[in-house]
Amino acid sequence: MAGPLVSRMTKEIRMLQNDPPPGVWAAAKGDKLTELEAQLQGPKDTVYEGGLFSLSVDIPARYPFEPPKVKFVTPVYHPNIDPEGRICLDILNMPPKGAWKPSLNLPTILASIGLLLAQPNPDDGLVTDITAEFRHQRQVFDAKARQWTQRHATQAARSEDADAAAAAAAAGAAGAVGCTGGVHRSMSARAATGQQQQQAKQQQQEQHDPQRQAQGLLKTTTAAAAAAGDTAGAAANATGSREKENSQPGLSQGSAASTAKRQEAGVAAEQAETLPAVAEPAPKRSRLALKK
């Protein structure tokens, strides 16, 4: 780092520490004078009130003849701030499109960003849909901006983020030095996942391979035909059994009738044999024959 840049950055960092603009805090990251972290308080009576927004400040080697690169680290729902934290502000860009001047300094830049946070500029919007909401659906914009502020820029949100980071770190440490049971469970879970992935891969291959599709269709058709044959055989057997059962009563009735008839005939014959013979009457002679 050149001597003039060191002198300039030392002076401006001292200004930020001793006499910062209202609602602004900034400090160098460690011993690096060209990398700063800053914070802006949400302006009062705005949708950002109650929020604390973090920014990163990178100083180029040609500073102050080139503007610093300033970005929001905290997500902000704003027409002039995109999801990556880039800021659409004229003093952050070189002429002729921008209005940067070597006479500007970091306290002025951070104060201007705080003013932009309080007073968005829809004529130079960076995010089209948010700019349209700010122009034509102000209540919708205000509701979303407040929601983002509560979700990302409040003390509770920062505490939740810190707790989540700590929990993730603890989970990582536990996974590295976990107990044997945990290792076995992890291995089982990985094995099950591997099997599922292998099955899914096989299904995808079958879907994209016509030969495998034909084989699968043939197997399905063969199984269906076998099942249909079994069903038809069972039905035929049941039908034959029913017909046999139905035919047996008829045969029994016919046999009984024949037997009864034979018995009646035998009784009649026996009665005929036991009855006494009856003499036939003598033929009568006519009177004419007697006269002769």
Protein backbone atom coordinates (compact mmCIF):
# COMPACT_ATOMS: atom_id res chain seq x y z
CA MET A 1 0.00 0.00 0.00
CA ALA A 2 1.38 3.38 -1.05
CA GLY A 3 2.14 6.04 1.53
CA PRO A 4 -0.52 8.54 0.36
CA LEU A 5 -3.24 5.88 0.52
CA VAL A 6 -2.20 4.84 4.02
CA SER A 7 -2.28 8.44 5.18
CA ARG A 8 -5.67 9.06 3.60
CA MET A 9 -7.26 5.89 5.00
CA THR A 10 -5.84 6.48 8.47
CA LYS A 11 -7.38 9.95 8.49
CA GLU A 12 -10.81 8.80 7.30
CA ILE A 13 -11.00 5.85 9.71
CA ARG A 14 -10.16 8.23 12.55
CA MET A 15 -13.00 10.51 11.39
CA LEU A 16 -15.42 7.56 11.44
CA GLN A 17 -14.38 6.64 14.97
CA ASN A 18 -14.27 10.13 16.48
CA ASP A 19 -17.08 11.92 14.64
CA PRO A 20 -19.23 9.45 12.68
CA PRO A 21 -22.38 10.55 10.85
CA PRO A 22 -25.65 9.84 12.69
CA GLY A 23 -26.53 6.16 12.61
CA VAL A 24 -23.18 5.14 11.07
CA TRP A 25 -20.45 2.89 12.44
CA ALA A 26 -17.35 1.66 10.57
CA ALA A 27 -13.97 0.12 11.36
CA ALA A 28 -11.12 -1.59 9.57
CA LYS A 29 -11.01 -5.38 9.40
CA GLY A 30 -7.99 -6.22 11.51
CA ASP A 31 -4.86 -4.51 10.22
CA LYS A 32 -6.19 -4.07 6.68
CA LEU A 33 -6.92 -0.41 6.08
CA THR A 34 -8.40 -1.13 2.66
CA GLU A 35 -11.10 -3.48 3.96
CA LEU A 36 -13.75 -2.06 6.26
CA GLU A 37 -16.98 -3.26 7.81
CA ALA A 38 -19.75 -0.76 8.41
CA GLN A 39 -23.23 -0.67 9.92
CA LEU A 40 -26.19 1.62 9.30
CA GLN A 41 -29.14 2.05 11.62
CA GLY A 42 -32.53 1.97 9.94
CA PRO A 43 -33.78 5.57 9.59
CA LYS A 44 -36.60 6.54 11.92
CA ASP A 45 -40.14 6.82 10.59
CA THR A 46 -39.30 4.53 7.67
CA VAL A 47 -39.96 0.89 6.86
CA TYR A 48 -36.35 0.19 7.87
CA GLU A 49 -36.67 1.56 11.39
CA GLY A 50 -35.37 -0.80 14.03
CA GLY A 51 -33.01 -2.55 11.64
CA LEU A 52 -29.22 -2.65 11.72
CA PHE A 53 -27.72 -3.15 8.25
CA SER A 54 -24.19 -4.39 7.66
CA LEU A 55 -22.05 -3.29 4.71
CA SER A 56 -18.65 -4.17 3.29
CA VAL A 57 -16.27 -1.47 2.03
CA ASP A 58 -13.34 -2.27 -0.26
CA ILE A 59 -10.86 0.50 -1.04
CA PRO A 60 -9.18 0.30 -4.47
CA ALA A 61 -5.48 1.01 -4.93
CA ARG A 62 -6.23 4.25 -6.83
CA TYR A 63 -8.41 5.70 -4.08
CA PRO A 64 -9.41 8.58 -3.87
CA PHE A 65 -9.22 8.86 -7.65
CA GLU A 66 -11.49 5.84 -7.87
CA PRO A 67 -14.59 5.30 -5.70
CA PRO A 68 -14.69 2.56 -3.07
CA LYS A 69 -16.79 -0.55 -3.64
CA VAL A 70 -19.60 -0.62 -1.09
CA LYS A 71 -22.16 -3.42 -0.81
CA PHE A 72 -24.89 -4.37 1.63
CA VAL A 73 -24.26 -7.62 3.46
CA THR A 74 -27.70 -7.61 5.09
CA PRO A 75 -30.54 -8.26 2.61
CA VAL A 76 -32.59 -5.10 1.98
CA TYR A 77 -35.88 -4.75 0.14
CA HIS A 78 -35.16 -1.49 -1.70
CA PRO A 79 -35.57 -0.15 -5.27
CA ASN A 80 -31.91 0.91 -5.45
CA ILE A 81 -30.35 -2.18 -3.82
CA ASP A 82 -30.29 -5.52 -5.61
CA PRO A 83 -30.34 -9.01 -3.99
CA GLU A 84 -26.53 -9.16 -4.15
CA GLY A 85 -26.22 -5.98 -2.11
CA ARG A 86 -25.08 -3.70 -4.92
CA ILE A 87 -26.10 -0.08 -4.53
CA CYS A 88 -27.27 2.24 -7.28
CA LEU A 89 -25.86 5.59 -6.08
CA ASP A 90 -24.25 8.16 -8.34
CA ILE A 91 -21.29 8.96 -6.06
CA LEU A 92 -20.23 5.30 -6.16
CA ASN A 93 -19.57 5.46 -9.91
CA MET A 94 -17.03 7.27 -12.02
CA PRO A 95 -18.03 10.06 -14.41
CA PRO A 96 -19.61 10.51 -16.87
CA LYS A 97 -22.32 8.13 -15.59
CA GLY A 98 -21.46 8.68 -11.96
CA ALA A 99 -20.64 11.64 -9.75
CA TRP A 100 -17.56 10.47 -7.86
CA LYS A 101 -15.04 13.13 -6.88
CA PRO A 102 -11.70 12.71 -5.10
CA SER A 103 -12.87 15.24 -2.54
CA LEU A 104 -15.50 12.81 -1.23
CA ASN A 105 -14.66 10.56 1.70
CA LEU A 106 -15.99 7.52 3.52
CA PRO A 107 -18.11 9.39 6.12
CA THR A 108 -19.86 11.24 3.30
CA ILE A 109 -20.41 8.04 1.32
CA LEU A 110 -21.92 6.14 4.26
CA ALA A 111 -24.12 9.11 5.19
CA SER A 112 -25.36 9.29 1.58
CA ILE A 113 -26.21 5.58 1.63
CA GLY A 114 -28.18 6.08 4.84
CA LEU A 115 -30.08 8.92 3.14
CA LEU A 116 -30.81 6.67 0.16
CA LEU A 117 -32.15 4.05 2.55
CA ALA A 118 -34.60 6.62 3.94
CA GLN A 119 -35.47 8.15 0.57
CA PRO A 120 -35.41 5.65 -2.32
CA ASN A 121 -34.93 7.01 -5.83
CA PRO A 122 -37.42 5.29 -8.19
CA ASP A 123 -36.13 7.34 -11.15
CA ASP A 124 -32.88 5.39 -11.01
CA GLY A 125 -34.18 2.02 -9.81
CA LEU A 126 -31.91 -1.00 -9.82
CA VAL A 127 -34.58 -3.69 -9.30
CA THR A 128 -37.47 -3.32 -11.74
CA ASP A 129 -40.26 -5.10 -9.85
CA ILE A 130 -39.43 -3.47 -6.52
CA THR A 131 -39.30 -0.07 -8.21
CA ALA A 132 -42.74 -0.69 -9.76
CA GLU A 133 -44.12 -1.67 -6.36
CA PHE A 134 -42.65 1.47 -4.81
CA ARG A 135 -44.31 3.61 -7.50
CA HIS A 136 -47.71 1.96 -7.90
CA GLN A 137 -48.29 -0.29 -4.88
CA ARG A 138 -46.72 1.57 -2.01
CA GLN A 139 -48.56 -0.35 0.70
CA VAL A 140 -47.36 -3.66 -0.72
CA PHE A 141 -43.80 -2.34 -0.90
CA ASP A 142 -43.92 -1.04 2.66
CA ALA A 143 -45.22 -4.36 3.99
CA LYS A 144 -42.48 -6.35 2.25
CA ALA A 145 -39.74 -3.94 3.27
CA ARG A 146 -40.81 -4.13 6.93
CA GLN A 147 -40.96 -7.92 6.70
CA TRP A 148 -37.43 -8.09 5.30
CA THR A 149 -36.20 -5.73 8.00
CA GLN A 150 -37.71 -7.89 10.75
CA ARG A 151 -36.41 -11.07 9.17
CA HIS A 152 -32.84 -9.99 8.39
CA ALA A 153 -31.87 -6.79 10.17
CA THR A 154 -33.19 -6.98 13.72
CA GLN A 155 -31.33 -8.14 16.81
CA ALA A 156 -33.51 -11.24 17.00
CA ALA A 157 -32.68 -12.13 13.42
CA ARG A 158 -28.96 -11.68 14.04
CA SER A 159 -29.21 -13.83 17.17
CA GLU A 160 -30.99 -16.56 15.20
CA ASP A 161 -28.32 -16.40 12.51
CA ALA A 162 -25.60 -16.66 15.14
CA ASP A 163 -27.36 -19.59 16.82
CA ALA A 164 -27.77 -21.32 13.47
CA ALA A 165 -24.10 -20.83 12.67
CA ALA A 166 -23.10 -22.17 16.09
CA ALA A 167 -25.42 -25.17 15.70
CA ALA A 168 -23.97 -25.90 12.26
CA ALA A 169 -20.45 -25.72 13.64
CA ALA A 170 -21.38 -27.99 16.55
CA ALA A 171 -23.03 -30.46 14.18
CA GLY A 172 -19.91 -30.50 12.06
CA ALA A 173 -17.72 -31.14 15.09
CA ALA A 174 -20.04 -33.89 16.34
CA GLY A 175 -19.95 -35.54 12.94
CA ALA A 176 -16.16 -35.48 12.92
CA VAL A 177 -15.79 -36.86 16.46
CA GLY A 178 -19.06 -38.73 16.72
CA CYS A 179 -19.69 -41.84 18.82
CA THR A 180 -19.64 -45.32 17.29
CA GLY A 181 -23.41 -45.62 17.28
CA GLY A 182 -23.72 -42.38 15.38
CA VAL A 183 -21.16 -43.61 12.86
CA HIS A 184 -23.07 -46.86 12.36
CA ARG A 185 -26.33 -45.00 11.92
CA SER A 186 -24.71 -42.70 9.39
CA MET A 187 -23.28 -45.67 7.50
CA SER A 188 -26.70 -47.38 7.47
CA ALA A 189 -28.35 -44.22 6.24
CA ARG A 190 -25.75 -43.85 3.51
CA ALA A 191 -26.19 -47.50 2.50
CA ALA A 192 -29.98 -47.10 2.30
CA THR A 193 -29.56 -43.93 0.29
CA GLY A 194 -27.15 -45.72 -2.04
CA GLN A 195 -29.63 -48.52 -2.63
CA GLN A 196 -32.40 -46.06 -3.39
CA GLN A 197 -30.16 -44.18 -5.79
CA GLN A 198 -29.18 -47.44 -7.52
CA GLN A 199 -32.83 -48.46 -7.92
CA ALA A 200 -33.73 -45.05 -9.30
CA LYS A 201 -30.79 -45.24 -11.72
CA GLN A 202 -31.87 -48.69 -12.89
CA GLN A 203 -35.41 -47.46 -13.47
CA GLN A 204 -34.11 -44.51 -15.48
CA GLN A 205 -31.95 -46.84 -17.57
CA GLU A 206 -34.93 -49.09 -18.24
CA GLN A 207 -36.99 -46.09 -19.28
CA HIS A 208 -34.34 -44.92 -21.76
CA ASP A 209 -33.39 -48.42 -23.05
CA PRO A 210 -35.95 -49.78 -25.59
CA GLN A 211 -34.67 -53.36 -25.29
CA ARG A 212 -35.14 -53.34 -21.51
CA GLN A 213 -38.58 -51.82 -21.96
CA ALA A 214 -39.51 -54.67 -24.36
CA GLN A 215 -38.19 -57.27 -21.93
CA GLY A 216 -40.13 -55.71 -19.09
CA LEU A 217 -43.28 -55.66 -21.24
CA LEU A 218 -42.77 -59.33 -22.21
CA LYS A 219 -42.36 -60.32 -18.55
CA THR A 220 -45.49 -58.42 -17.63
CA THR A 221 -47.50 -60.02 -20.50
CA THR A 222 -46.29 -63.54 -19.63
CA ALA A 223 -47.18 -63.11 -15.98
CA ALA A 224 -50.62 -61.81 -16.91
CA ALA A 225 -51.23 -64.74 -19.27
CA ALA A 226 -50.18 -67.27 -16.61
CA ALA A 227 -52.47 -65.66 -14.10
CA ALA A 228 -55.33 -65.71 -16.59
CA GLY A 229 -54.70 -69.43 -17.33
CA ASP A 230 -54.75 -70.28 -13.67
CA THR A 231 -58.00 -68.42 -13.23
CA ALA A 232 -59.63 -70.16 -16.22
CA GLY A 233 -58.53 -73.63 -14.99
CA ALA A 234 -59.91 -72.99 -11.57
CA ALA A 235 -63.21 -71.86 -13.07
CA ALA A 236 -63.44 -74.97 -15.29
CA ASN A 237 -62.79 -77.26 -12.34
CA ALA A 238 -65.49 -75.54 -10.32
CA THR A 239 -67.98 -75.82 -13.20
CA GLY A 240 -67.28 -79.55 -13.66
CA SER A 241 -67.78 -80.17 -9.97
CA ARG A 242 -71.09 -78.37 -9.99
CA GLU A 243 -72.29 -80.30 -13.07
CA LYS A 244 -71.33 -83.61 -11.47
CA GLU A 245 -73.14 -82.70 -8.29
CA ASN A 246 -76.22 -81.65 -10.26
CA SER A 247 -76.25 -84.88 -12.33
CA GLN A 248 -76.09 -87.27 -9.38
CA PRO A 249 -79.58 -86.51 -7.95
CA GLY A 250 -81.18 -87.25 -11.34
CA LEU A 251 -79.47 -90.59 -11.61
CA SER A 252 -80.57 -91.58 -8.10
CA GLN A 253 -84.19 -90.69 -8.81
CA GLY A 254 -84.20 -92.74 -12.05
CA SER A 255 -82.74 -95.77 -10.32
CA ALA A 256 -85.31 -95.57 -7.54
CA ALA A 257 -88.18 -95.42 -10.04
CA SER A 258 -86.91 -98.47 -11.93
CA THR A 259 -86.52 -100.44 -8.72
CA ALA A 260 -90.06 -99.56 -7.63
CA LYS A 261 -91.46 -100.69 -10.96
CA ARG A 262 -89.63 -104.01 -10.77
CA GLN A 263 -90.90 -104.59 -7.24
CA GLU A 264 -94.51 -103.92 -8.29
CA ALA A 265 -94.20 -106.35 -11.19
CA GLY A 266 -92.82 -109.07 -8.91
CA VAL A 267 -95.67 -108.65 -6.41
CA ALA A 268 -98.25 -108.89 -9.17
CA ALA A 269 -96.68 -112.10 -10.44
CA GLU A 270 -96.69 -113.65 -7.02
CA GLN A 271 -100.36 -112.76 -6.49
CA ALA A 272 -101.25 -114.34 -9.81
CA GLU A 273 -99.59 -117.57 -8.85
CA THR A 274 -101.36 -117.86 -5.44
CA LEU A 275 -104.95 -117.17 -6.62
CA PRO A 276 -107.10 -120.38 -7.27
CA ALA A 277 -108.00 -121.22 -10.77
CA VAL A 278 -111.51 -120.14 -11.72
CA ALA A 279 -113.53 -122.51 -13.93
CA GLU A 280 -114.73 -121.05 -17.07
CA PRO A 281 -118.55 -121.27 -17.45
CA ALA A 282 -119.88 -123.85 -19.95
CA PRO A 283 -121.08 -122.44 -23.16
CA LYS A 284 -124.84 -122.05 -23.32
CA ARG A 285 -126.72 -124.01 -25.97
CA SER A 286 -129.40 -122.32 -27.90
CA ARG A 287 -133.07 -123.49 -27.64
CA LEU A 288 -133.07 -124.53 -31.25
CA ALA A 289 -130.40 -127.06 -30.64
CA LEU A 290 -132.33 -128.52 -27.70
CA LYS A 291 -135.43 -129.09 -29.76
CA LYS A 292 -133.50 -131.11 -32.23
